[in-house]
């Protein structure tokens, strides 16, 4: 007689959980994307996802002088274009963490396994890390140099 099926035990930190296959609908800005999430069993949902752990310049900055805001807009456009280049339009994998303060899911964006573009083969594994290493974003919560936060005393001298 075959053994009865036993449900595997999962913990919230289990790496097999919280990974989803998604289709990129559009890149909103340097740290936000709209995705069609495959939940399995032919269930899909549209998600607005923020890249976890990073902060990119804003397309519509609300602080700073007119010159600083113009500079931040240019940096935001560069971050937006780079994120579009990294993830393109197509399938990606996301690893969700939690929702942020504005209700967006926080996630790490990864290429689907076995389907890495040539450009990414020798690069860090996630779009989040690539944006950080290329200078298009900073670690979330750290001072943002495009806002000249060092001059305002937020960065150590």
C-alpha atoms as a PDB file:
ATOM      1  CA  UNK A   1       0.000   0.000   0.000  1.00  0.00           C
ATOM      2  CA  UNK A   2       1.446   3.424  -0.938  1.00  0.00           C
ATOM      3  CA  UNK A   3       2.199   5.927   1.799  1.00  0.00           C
ATOM      4  CA  UNK A   4      -0.410   8.624   2.286  1.00  0.00           C
ATOM      5  CA  UNK A   5       0.381  12.111   1.027  1.00  0.00           C
ATOM      6  CA  UNK A   6       1.966  14.337   3.660  1.00  0.00           C
ATOM      7  CA  UNK A   7       1.808  18.092   3.345  1.00  0.00           C
ATOM      8  CA  UNK A   8       5.321  19.567   3.415  1.00  0.00           C
ATOM      9  CA  UNK A   9       6.037  21.902   6.297  1.00  0.00           C
ATOM     10  CA  UNK A  10       6.781  25.493   5.326  1.00  0.00           C
ATOM     11  CA  UNK A  11       7.993  28.415   7.371  1.00  0.00           C
ATOM     12  CA  UNK A  12       7.553  32.038   6.355  1.00  0.00           C
ATOM     13  CA  UNK A  13      11.266  32.194   5.528  1.00  0.00           C
ATOM     14  CA  UNK A  14      11.154  29.173   3.225  1.00  0.00           C
ATOM     15  CA  UNK A  15      12.810  30.152  -0.081  1.00  0.00           C
ATOM     16  CA  UNK A  16      10.235  28.124  -2.033  1.00  0.00           C
ATOM     17  CA  UNK A  17       7.508  30.575  -1.036  1.00  0.00           C
ATOM     18  CA  UNK A  18       6.836  34.100  -2.226  1.00  0.00           C
ATOM     19  CA  UNK A  19       8.290  33.659  -5.738  1.00  0.00           C
ATOM     20  CA  UNK A  20       5.964  34.516  -8.609  1.00  0.00           C
ATOM     21  CA  UNK A  21       6.227  34.509 -12.363  1.00  0.00           C
ATOM     22  CA  UNK A  22       5.131  37.843 -13.817  1.00  0.00           C
ATOM     23  CA  UNK A  23       4.741  39.609 -17.105  1.00  0.00           C
ATOM     24  CA  UNK A  24       6.062  43.178 -17.210  1.00  0.00           C
ATOM     25  CA  UNK A  25       3.264  45.536 -18.225  1.00  0.00           C
ATOM     26  CA  UNK A  26       5.223  48.768 -17.832  1.00  0.00           C
ATOM     27  CA  UNK A  27       7.979  50.455 -15.890  1.00  0.00           C
ATOM     28  CA  UNK A  28       6.485  53.346 -13.902  1.00  0.00           C
ATOM     29  CA  UNK A  29       9.767  54.883 -12.725  1.00  0.00           C
ATOM     30  CA  UNK A  30      13.217  53.837 -11.526  1.00  0.00           C
ATOM     31  CA  UNK A  31      11.879  51.793  -8.606  1.00  0.00           C
ATOM     32  CA  UNK A  32       8.263  50.913  -9.498  1.00  0.00           C
ATOM     33  CA  UNK A  33       6.781  48.541 -12.100  1.00  0.00           C
ATOM     34  CA  UNK A  34       3.326  47.300 -13.110  1.00  0.00           C
ATOM     35  CA  UNK A  35       3.157  43.516 -13.482  1.00  0.00           C
ATOM     36  CA  UNK A  36       0.683  40.809 -14.379  1.00  0.00           C
ATOM     37  CA  UNK A  37       1.253  38.210 -11.651  1.00  0.00           C
ATOM     38  CA  UNK A  38       0.699  34.512 -12.327  1.00  0.00           C
ATOM     39  CA  UNK A  39      -0.743  33.107  -9.097  1.00  0.00           C
ATOM     40  CA  UNK A  40      -1.129  29.623 -10.521  1.00  0.00           C
ATOM     41  CA  UNK A  41      -4.224  27.662 -11.565  1.00  0.00           C
ATOM     42  CA  UNK A  42      -5.046  30.298 -14.205  1.00  0.00           C
ATOM     43  CA  UNK A  43      -5.384  33.069 -11.626  1.00  0.00           C
ATOM     44  CA  UNK A  44      -3.745  36.389 -12.468  1.00  0.00           C
ATOM     45  CA  UNK A  45      -3.665  39.840 -10.929  1.00  0.00           C
ATOM     46  CA  UNK A  46      -2.208  43.211 -11.835  1.00  0.00           C
ATOM     47  CA  UNK A  47       0.289  44.431  -9.249  1.00  0.00           C
ATOM     48  CA  UNK A  48       2.081  47.695  -8.703  1.00  0.00           C
ATOM     49  CA  UNK A  49       5.451  46.621  -7.299  1.00  0.00           C
ATOM     50  CA  UNK A  50       8.191  48.713  -5.722  1.00  0.00           C
ATOM     51  CA  UNK A  51      11.725  47.402  -5.913  1.00  0.00           C
ATOM     52  CA  UNK A  52      12.654  46.386  -2.358  1.00  0.00           C
ATOM     53  CA  UNK A  53      15.580  47.983  -0.597  1.00  0.00           C
ATOM     54  CA  UNK A  54      16.293  50.766  -3.082  1.00  0.00           C
ATOM     55  CA  UNK A  55      15.313  54.381  -3.634  1.00  0.00           C
ATOM     56  CA  UNK A  56      15.594  55.942  -7.096  1.00  0.00           C
ATOM     57  CA  UNK A  57      15.182  59.635  -7.993  1.00  0.00           C
ATOM     58  CA  UNK A  58      11.605  60.884  -8.386  1.00  0.00           C
ATOM     59  CA  UNK A  59      10.134  61.877 -11.749  1.00  0.00           C
ATOM     60  CA  UNK A  60       8.168  64.637 -10.006  1.00  0.00           C
ATOM     61  CA  UNK A  61      10.330  65.852  -7.120  1.00  0.00           C
ATOM     62  CA  UNK A  62       8.594  68.047  -4.564  1.00  0.00           C
ATOM     63  CA  UNK A  63      11.625  69.415  -2.707  1.00  0.00           C
ATOM     64  CA  UNK A  64      14.670  71.460  -3.629  1.00  0.00           C
ATOM     65  CA  UNK A  65      15.367  74.467  -5.786  1.00  0.00           C
ATOM     66  CA  UNK A  66      14.165  74.533  -9.399  1.00  0.00           C
ATOM     67  CA  UNK A  67      17.680  73.559 -10.543  1.00  0.00           C
ATOM     68  CA  UNK A  68      17.805  70.633  -8.081  1.00  0.00           C
ATOM     69  CA  UNK A  69      14.365  69.434  -9.189  1.00  0.00           C
ATOM     70  CA  UNK A  70      15.398  69.583 -12.851  1.00  0.00           C
ATOM     71  CA  UNK A  71      18.549  67.615 -12.046  1.00  0.00           C
ATOM     72  CA  UNK A  72      16.543  64.989 -10.126  1.00  0.00           C
ATOM     73  CA  UNK A  73      14.088  64.649 -13.040  1.00  0.00           C
ATOM     74  CA  UNK A  74      16.983  63.925 -15.422  1.00  0.00           C
ATOM     75  CA  UNK A  75      18.381  61.301 -13.041  1.00  0.00           C
ATOM     76  CA  UNK A  76      14.892  59.802 -12.670  1.00  0.00           C
ATOM     77  CA  UNK A  77      14.551  59.461 -16.443  1.00  0.00           C
ATOM     78  CA  UNK A  78      17.950  57.727 -16.634  1.00  0.00           C
ATOM     79  CA  UNK A  79      16.947  55.289 -13.846  1.00  0.00           C
ATOM     80  CA  UNK A  80      13.609  54.659 -15.588  1.00  0.00           C
ATOM     81  CA  UNK A  81      15.298  53.912 -18.936  1.00  0.00           C
ATOM     82  CA  UNK A  82      17.884  51.642 -17.282  1.00  0.00           C
ATOM     83  CA  UNK A  83      15.222  49.620 -15.468  1.00  0.00           C
ATOM     84  CA  UNK A  84      13.380  49.217 -18.792  1.00  0.00           C
ATOM     85  CA  UNK A  85      16.633  47.946 -20.357  1.00  0.00           C
ATOM     86  CA  UNK A  86      17.279  45.512 -17.507  1.00  0.00           C
ATOM     87  CA  UNK A  87      13.853  43.890 -17.288  1.00  0.00           C
ATOM     88  CA  UNK A  88      12.494  44.709 -20.745  1.00  0.00           C
ATOM     89  CA  UNK A  89       8.995  43.646 -21.682  1.00  0.00           C
ATOM     90  CA  UNK A  90       8.466  40.004 -20.979  1.00  0.00           C
ATOM     91  CA  UNK A  91       8.593  37.472 -18.215  1.00  0.00           C
ATOM     92  CA  UNK A  92      10.408  38.021 -14.921  1.00  0.00           C
ATOM     93  CA  UNK A  93      10.379  36.406 -11.498  1.00  0.00           C
ATOM     94  CA  UNK A  94       9.658  38.391  -8.373  1.00  0.00           C
ATOM     95  CA  UNK A  95      10.374  37.543  -4.766  1.00  0.00           C
ATOM     96  CA  UNK A  96       7.887  39.469  -2.646  1.00  0.00           C
ATOM     97  CA  UNK A  97       8.565  40.591   0.897  1.00  0.00           C
ATOM     98  CA  UNK A  98       5.699  42.713   2.210  1.00  0.00           C
ATOM     99  CA  UNK A  99       3.633  45.740   1.292  1.00  0.00           C
ATOM    100  CA  UNK A 100       5.119  49.184   1.708  1.00  0.00           C
ATOM    101  CA  UNK A 101       3.582  52.281   3.247  1.00  0.00           C
ATOM    102  CA  UNK A 102       1.699  53.131   0.022  1.00  0.00           C
ATOM    103  CA  UNK A 103       0.222  49.637  -0.466  1.00  0.00           C
ATOM    104  CA  UNK A 104       2.637  48.510  -3.182  1.00  0.00           C
ATOM    105  CA  UNK A 105       4.285  45.114  -2.859  1.00  0.00           C
ATOM    106  CA  UNK A 106       8.017  45.289  -2.152  1.00  0.00           C
ATOM    107  CA  UNK A 107       9.869  42.780  -4.314  1.00  0.00           C
ATOM    108  CA  UNK A 108      13.192  41.736  -5.744  1.00  0.00           C
ATOM    109  CA  UNK A 109      13.035  41.446  -9.540  1.00  0.00           C
ATOM    110  CA  UNK A 110      14.924  38.521 -11.050  1.00  0.00           C
ATOM    111  CA  UNK A 111      15.262  37.051 -14.526  1.00  0.00           C
ATOM    112  CA  UNK A 112      13.486  33.709 -14.948  1.00  0.00           C
ATOM    113  CA  UNK A 113      15.939  30.866 -14.392  1.00  0.00           C
ATOM    114  CA  UNK A 114      17.484  29.572 -17.588  1.00  0.00           C
ATOM    115  CA  UNK A 115      16.370  32.642 -19.500  1.00  0.00           C
ATOM    116  CA  UNK A 116      19.012  35.224 -18.635  1.00  0.00           C
ATOM    117  CA  UNK A 117      19.833  37.847 -21.272  1.00  0.00           C
ATOM    118  CA  UNK A 118      23.504  37.940 -22.274  1.00  0.00           C
ATOM    119  CA  UNK A 119      23.909  41.349 -20.590  1.00  0.00           C
ATOM    120  CA  UNK A 120      22.863  39.949 -17.199  1.00  0.00           C
ATOM    121  CA  UNK A 121      24.924  36.733 -17.267  1.00  0.00           C
ATOM    122  CA  UNK A 122      27.939  38.333 -15.575  1.00  0.00           C
ATOM    123  CA  UNK A 123      25.902  40.794 -13.526  1.00  0.00           C
ATOM    124  CA  UNK A 124      24.296  40.656 -10.071  1.00  0.00           C
ATOM    125  CA  UNK A 125      21.232  38.457  -9.901  1.00  0.00           C
ATOM    126  CA  UNK A 126      18.536  41.118  -9.435  1.00  0.00           C
ATOM    127  CA  UNK A 127      17.454  44.328 -11.108  1.00  0.00           C
ATOM    128  CA  UNK A 128      17.435  45.910  -7.644  1.00  0.00           C
ATOM    129  CA  UNK A 129      21.131  45.166  -7.138  1.00  0.00           C
ATOM    130  CA  UNK A 130      22.047  46.266 -10.665  1.00  0.00           C
ATOM    131  CA  UNK A 131      20.437  49.689 -10.171  1.00  0.00           C
ATOM    132  CA  UNK A 132      22.335  50.107  -6.902  1.00  0.00           C
ATOM    133  CA  UNK A 133      25.689  49.083  -8.333  1.00  0.00           C
ATOM    134  CA  UNK A 134      25.276  51.293 -11.417  1.00  0.00           C
ATOM    135  CA  UNK A 135      24.418  54.345  -9.290  1.00  0.00           C
ATOM    136  CA  UNK A 136      20.812  54.750 -10.460  1.00  0.00           C
ATOM    137  CA  UNK A 137      19.519  54.220  -6.907  1.00  0.00           C
ATOM    138  CA  UNK A 138      20.644  54.228  -3.282  1.00  0.00           C
ATOM    139  CA  UNK A 139      19.859  51.854  -0.435  1.00  0.00           C
ATOM    140  CA  UNK A 140      16.397  52.715   0.868  1.00  0.00           C
ATOM    141  CA  UNK A 141      16.561  54.983   3.910  1.00  0.00           C
ATOM    142  CA  UNK A 142      20.047  56.286   3.108  1.00  0.00           C
ATOM    143  CA  UNK A 143      20.660  59.938   2.146  1.00  0.00           C
ATOM    144  CA  UNK A 144      19.976  60.710  -1.495  1.00  0.00           C
ATOM    145  CA  UNK A 145      22.880  62.577  -3.113  1.00  0.00           C
ATOM    146  CA  UNK A 146      20.630  63.979  -5.872  1.00  0.00           C
ATOM    147  CA  UNK A 147      18.808  65.908  -3.142  1.00  0.00           C
ATOM    148  CA  UNK A 148      22.096  67.315  -1.813  1.00  0.00           C
ATOM    149  CA  UNK A 149      21.320  65.821   1.589  1.00  0.00           C
ATOM    150  CA  UNK A 150      24.982  65.994   2.619  1.00  0.00           C
ATOM    151  CA  UNK A 151      24.793  69.785   2.472  1.00  0.00           C
ATOM    152  CA  UNK A 152      21.765  69.711   4.757  1.00  0.00           C
ATOM    153  CA  UNK A 153      23.669  67.700   7.377  1.00  0.00           C
ATOM    154  CA  UNK A 154      22.109  64.287   6.671  1.00  0.00           C
ATOM    155  CA  UNK A 155      25.320  62.653   5.472  1.00  0.00           C
ATOM    156  CA  UNK A 156      28.413  62.273   7.647  1.00  0.00           C
ATOM    157  CA  UNK A 157      31.156  64.731   6.653  1.00  0.00           C
END
